[in-house]
C-alpha atoms as a PDB file:
ATOM      1  CA  MET A   1      50.247 -14.756  86.704  1.00  0.00           C
ATOM      2  CA  ILE A   2      47.808 -14.002  83.907  1.00  0.00           C
ATOM      3  CA  ASN A   3      48.064 -10.232  83.526  1.00  0.00           C
ATOM      4  CA  ASN A   4      45.890  -9.426  80.536  1.00  0.00           C
ATOM      5  CA  PHE A   5      42.653 -10.764  79.182  1.00  0.00           C
ATOM      6  CA  LYS A   6      43.613 -11.097  75.515  1.00  0.00           C
ATOM      7  CA  GLU A   7      44.278 -13.950  73.093  1.00  0.00           C
ATOM      8  CA  ASP A   8      44.058 -17.276  75.011  1.00  0.00           C
ATOM      9  CA  TYR A   9      42.555 -15.415  77.984  1.00  0.00           C
ATOM     10  CA  ALA A  10      40.122 -13.154  76.100  1.00  0.00           C
ATOM     11  CA  PHE A  11      37.259 -15.201  77.603  1.00  0.00           C
ATOM     12  CA  LEU A  12      38.028 -13.547  80.980  1.00  0.00           C
ATOM     13  CA  SER A  13      37.190 -10.096  79.615  1.00  0.00           C
ATOM     14  CA  ASN A  14      33.778  -8.490  80.012  1.00  0.00           C
ATOM     15  CA  PHE A  15      34.043  -7.674  76.306  1.00  0.00           C
ATOM     16  CA  TYR A  16      34.032 -11.376  75.373  1.00  0.00           C
ATOM     17  CA  GLU A  17      30.939 -12.091  73.298  1.00  0.00           C
ATOM     18  CA  VAL A  18      28.943 -14.786  75.055  1.00  0.00           C
ATOM     19  CA  PRO A  19      25.330 -14.579  76.275  1.00  0.00           C
ATOM     20  CA  VAL A  20      24.790 -13.907  79.967  1.00  0.00           C
ATOM     21  CA  THR A  21      21.557 -13.547  81.910  1.00  0.00           C
ATOM     22  CA  TYR A  22      21.161 -10.931  84.600  1.00  0.00           C
ATOM     23  CA  GLU A  23      17.889 -10.300  86.448  1.00  0.00           C
ATOM     24  CA  GLY A  24      15.749 -11.960  83.801  1.00  0.00           C
ATOM     25  CA  LEU A  25      17.303 -10.410  80.695  1.00  0.00           C
ATOM     26  CA  THR A  26      19.860 -12.093  78.439  1.00  0.00           C
ATOM     27  CA  TYR A  27      22.639  -9.874  77.108  1.00  0.00           C
ATOM     28  CA  GLN A  28      25.236 -10.622  74.436  1.00  0.00           C
ATOM     29  CA  ASN A  29      28.148  -9.996  76.814  1.00  0.00           C
ATOM     30  CA  ASN A  30      28.997  -9.081  80.404  1.00  0.00           C
ATOM     31  CA  GLU A  31      29.702  -5.452  79.592  1.00  0.00           C
ATOM     32  CA  ALA A  32      26.152  -4.915  78.326  1.00  0.00           C
ATOM     33  CA  ALA A  33      24.673  -6.603  81.410  1.00  0.00           C
ATOM     34  CA  PHE A  34      26.859  -4.530  83.720  1.00  0.00           C
ATOM     35  CA  GLN A  35      26.172  -1.211  81.989  1.00  0.00           C
ATOM     36  CA  SER A  36      22.433  -1.927  82.008  1.00  0.00           C
ATOM     37  CA  ALA A  37      22.524  -2.309  85.794  1.00  0.00           C
ATOM     38  CA  LYS A  38      23.311   1.414  86.035  1.00  0.00           C
ATOM     39  CA  CYS A  39      19.761   2.219  84.933  1.00  0.00           C
ATOM     40  CA  ILE A  40      17.427   3.749  87.482  1.00  0.00           C
ATOM     41  CA  ASN A  41      14.391   2.201  85.765  1.00  0.00           C
ATOM     42  CA  LYS A  42      14.708  -1.546  85.197  1.00  0.00           C
ATOM     43  CA  GLU A  43      12.627  -1.248  82.012  1.00  0.00           C
ATOM     44  CA  ASP A  44      15.455   0.842  80.490  1.00  0.00           C
ATOM     45  CA  ARG A  45      17.796  -2.143  80.765  1.00  0.00           C
ATOM     46  CA  LYS A  46      16.200  -3.721  77.710  1.00  0.00           C
ATOM     47  CA  GLN A  47      17.980  -1.253  75.436  1.00  0.00           C
ATOM     48  CA  PHE A  48      21.271  -3.015  76.289  1.00  0.00           C
ATOM     49  CA  VAL A  49      20.354  -6.625  75.449  1.00  0.00           C
ATOM     50  CA  ASN A  50      21.616  -6.638  71.849  1.00  0.00           C
ATOM     51  CA  LEU A  51      24.507  -4.196  72.160  1.00  0.00           C
ATOM     52  CA  THR A  52      28.158  -4.957  71.548  1.00  0.00           C
ATOM     53  CA  PRO A  53      30.452  -4.329  74.521  1.00  0.00           C
ATOM     54  CA  SER A  54      31.655  -1.015  73.059  1.00  0.00           C
ATOM     55  CA  GLU A  55      28.120   0.163  72.312  1.00  0.00           C
ATOM     56  CA  ALA A  56      27.031  -0.764  75.845  1.00  0.00           C
ATOM     57  CA  LYS A  57      29.963   1.047  77.446  1.00  0.00           C
ATOM     58  CA  HIS A  58      29.213   4.139  75.362  1.00  0.00           C
ATOM     59  CA  LEU A  59      25.509   4.122  76.274  1.00  0.00           C
ATOM     60  CA  GLY A  60      26.350   3.413  79.913  1.00  0.00           C
ATOM     61  CA  ARG A  61      28.239   6.705  80.065  1.00  0.00           C
ATOM     62  CA  LYS A  62      25.149   8.637  78.934  1.00  0.00           C
ATOM     63  CA  ILE A  63      22.413   7.272  81.184  1.00  0.00           C
ATOM     64  CA  PRO A  64      21.561   8.710  84.588  1.00  0.00           C
ATOM     65  CA  LEU A  65      23.138   6.543  87.298  1.00  0.00           C
ATOM     66  CA  ARG A  66      21.133   4.928  90.032  1.00  0.00           C
ATOM     67  CA  SER A  67      21.893   6.668  93.326  1.00  0.00           C
ATOM     68  CA  ASP A  68      23.471   3.625  94.986  1.00  0.00           C
ATOM     69  CA  TRP A  69      25.758   2.728  92.064  1.00  0.00           C
ATOM     70  CA  GLU A  70      29.070   3.146  93.893  1.00  0.00           C
ATOM     71  CA  GLN A  71      27.836   0.940  96.744  1.00  0.00           C
ATOM     72  CA  VAL A  72      26.512  -1.892  94.545  1.00  0.00           C
ATOM     73  CA  LYS A  73      28.691  -2.021  91.433  1.00  0.00           C
ATOM     74  CA  ILE A  74      31.169  -4.606  92.776  1.00  0.00           C
ATOM     75  CA  SER A  75      28.450  -7.031  93.903  1.00  0.00           C
ATOM     76  CA  ILE A  76      26.604  -6.566  90.597  1.00  0.00           C
ATOM     77  CA  MET A  77      29.779  -7.332  88.657  1.00  0.00           C
ATOM     78  CA  GLU A  78      30.341 -10.432  90.780  1.00  0.00           C
ATOM     79  CA  GLU A  79      26.842 -11.721  90.052  1.00  0.00           C
ATOM     80  CA  ILE A  80      27.208 -11.120  86.307  1.00  0.00           C
ATOM     81  CA  VAL A  81      30.631 -12.802  86.167  1.00  0.00           C
ATOM     82  CA  LYS A  82      29.293 -15.749  88.191  1.00  0.00           C
ATOM     83  CA  ASN A  83      26.353 -16.093  85.784  1.00  0.00           C
ATOM     84  CA  LYS A  84      28.661 -15.993  82.753  1.00  0.00           C
ATOM     85  CA  PHE A  85      30.654 -18.988  83.945  1.00  0.00           C
ATOM     86  CA  GLU A  86      27.700 -20.920  85.366  1.00  0.00           C
ATOM     87  CA  GLU A  87      25.735 -20.563  82.117  1.00  0.00           C
ATOM     88  CA  ASN A  88      28.610 -21.396  79.765  1.00  0.00           C
ATOM     89  CA  GLY A  89      30.180 -24.773  80.561  1.00  0.00           C
ATOM     90  CA  GLU A  90      33.071 -24.436  78.116  1.00  0.00           C
ATOM     91  CA  LEU A  91      34.078 -21.107  79.672  1.00  0.00           C
ATOM     92  CA  ARG A  92      33.684 -22.520  83.167  1.00  0.00           C
ATOM     93  CA  GLU A  93      36.182 -25.263  82.270  1.00  0.00           C
ATOM     94  CA  LYS A  94      38.584 -22.706  80.805  1.00  0.00           C
ATOM     95  CA  LEU A  95      38.347 -20.607  83.972  1.00  0.00           C
ATOM     96  CA  LEU A  96      39.036 -23.665  86.140  1.00  0.00           C
ATOM     97  CA  ALA A  97      41.984 -24.534  83.869  1.00  0.00           C
ATOM     98  CA  THR A  98      43.689 -21.304  84.971  1.00  0.00           C
ATOM     99  CA  GLY A  99      44.399 -23.215  88.190  1.00  0.00           C
ATOM    100  CA  ASP A 100      45.632 -20.954  90.944  1.00  0.00           C
ATOM    101  CA  GLU A 101      47.075 -18.309  88.637  1.00  0.00           C
ATOM    102  CA  TYR A 102      46.686 -14.735  89.826  1.00  0.00           C
ATOM    103  CA  LEU A 103      44.285 -13.018  87.400  1.00  0.00           C
ATOM    104  CA  GLU A 104      44.907  -9.358  86.663  1.00  0.00           C
ATOM    105  CA  GLU A 105      43.239  -7.232  84.025  1.00  0.00           C
ATOM    106  CA  GLY A 106      46.323  -5.325  82.951  1.00  0.00           C
ATOM    107  CA  ASN A 107      45.311  -2.609  80.534  1.00  0.00           C
ATOM    108  CA  THR A 108      46.514   0.458  78.659  1.00  0.00           C
ATOM    109  CA  TRP A 109      43.253   2.429  78.727  1.00  0.00           C
ATOM    110  CA  GLY A 110      43.680   3.700  82.275  1.00  0.00           C
ATOM    111  CA  ASP A 111      41.244   1.477  84.196  1.00  0.00           C
ATOM    112  CA  ARG A 112      42.642   1.171  87.704  1.00  0.00           C
ATOM    113  CA  VAL A 113      39.270   0.254  89.259  1.00  0.00           C
ATOM    114  CA  TRP A 114      38.515  -3.002  87.433  1.00  0.00           C
ATOM    115  CA  GLY A 115      42.093  -3.688  86.369  1.00  0.00           C
ATOM    116  CA  THR A 116      45.616  -2.326  86.613  1.00  0.00           C
ATOM    117  CA  VAL A 117      47.871  -0.046  84.608  1.00  0.00           C
ATOM    118  CA  ASP A 118      51.571  -0.870  84.913  1.00  0.00           C
ATOM    119  CA  GLY A 119      50.686  -3.113  87.859  1.00  0.00           C
ATOM    120  CA  LYS A 120      48.889  -0.356  89.779  1.00  0.00           C
ATOM    121  CA  GLY A 121      45.175  -0.521  90.472  1.00  0.00           C
ATOM    122  CA  ALA A 122      42.442  -2.252  92.433  1.00  0.00           C
ATOM    123  CA  ASN A 123      42.041  -5.130  89.941  1.00  0.00           C
ATOM    124  CA  ASN A 124      38.439  -5.689  91.014  1.00  0.00           C
ATOM    125  CA  LEU A 125      37.575  -7.761  87.927  1.00  0.00           C
ATOM    126  CA  GLY A 126      40.573 -10.017  88.499  1.00  0.00           C
ATOM    127  CA  LYS A 127      39.620 -10.462  92.159  1.00  0.00           C
ATOM    128  CA  ILE A 128      36.034 -11.304  91.195  1.00  0.00           C
ATOM    129  CA  LEU A 129      37.205 -13.845  88.616  1.00  0.00           C
ATOM    130  CA  MET A 130      39.449 -15.531  91.184  1.00  0.00           C
ATOM    131  CA  LYS A 131      36.586 -15.634  93.706  1.00  0.00           C
ATOM    132  CA  VAL A 132      34.168 -17.079  91.139  1.00  0.00           C
ATOM    133  CA  ARG A 133      36.802 -19.656  90.129  1.00  0.00           C
ATOM    134  CA  SER A 134      37.251 -20.653  93.763  1.00  0.00           C
ATOM    135  CA  ASP A 135      33.491 -20.806  94.381  1.00  0.00           C
ATOM    136  CA  ILE A 136      32.951 -23.020  91.316  1.00  0.00           C
ATOM    137  CA  ARG A 137      35.811 -25.304  92.338  1.00  0.00           C
ATOM    138  CA  ASN A 138      34.421 -25.607  95.883  1.00  0.00           C
ATOM    139  CA  SER A 139      30.869 -26.297  94.679  1.00  0.00           C
ATOM    140  CA  GLU A 140      32.096 -29.042  92.341  1.00  0.00           C
ATOM    141  CA  ARG A 141      33.888 -30.778  95.220  1.00  0.00           C
ATOM    142  CA  LYS A 142      30.672 -31.176  97.224  1.00  0.00           C
END
């Protein structure tokens, strides 16, 4: 089991600095792309393109949320994660190299939605990463 996204596995984190494109805009990291998707007005997403992950998370807490956010946030995260690994071949290979390891974003900052704290939580990011890994593996076999 890989139970934190640090050091050798930092590339699994949404805070990893690598460009990712989401709905026509290229962001410097997944966190910025994800936080931008909260915007009601798509034009407002542009303010996230050059932000660091921490800056994006901070701004994402201040903007008015789109009304369907709770219903769409998982599928949006899945699309952004998929794009990250499809657009970055080196990272795709590193993800595939995790084999069949269970991926869990263990954390100390209290995030039980996207990760786990002391093994408790939904681990949605880990589940998405494992799904994307499986999808990539299956598409390469065809």
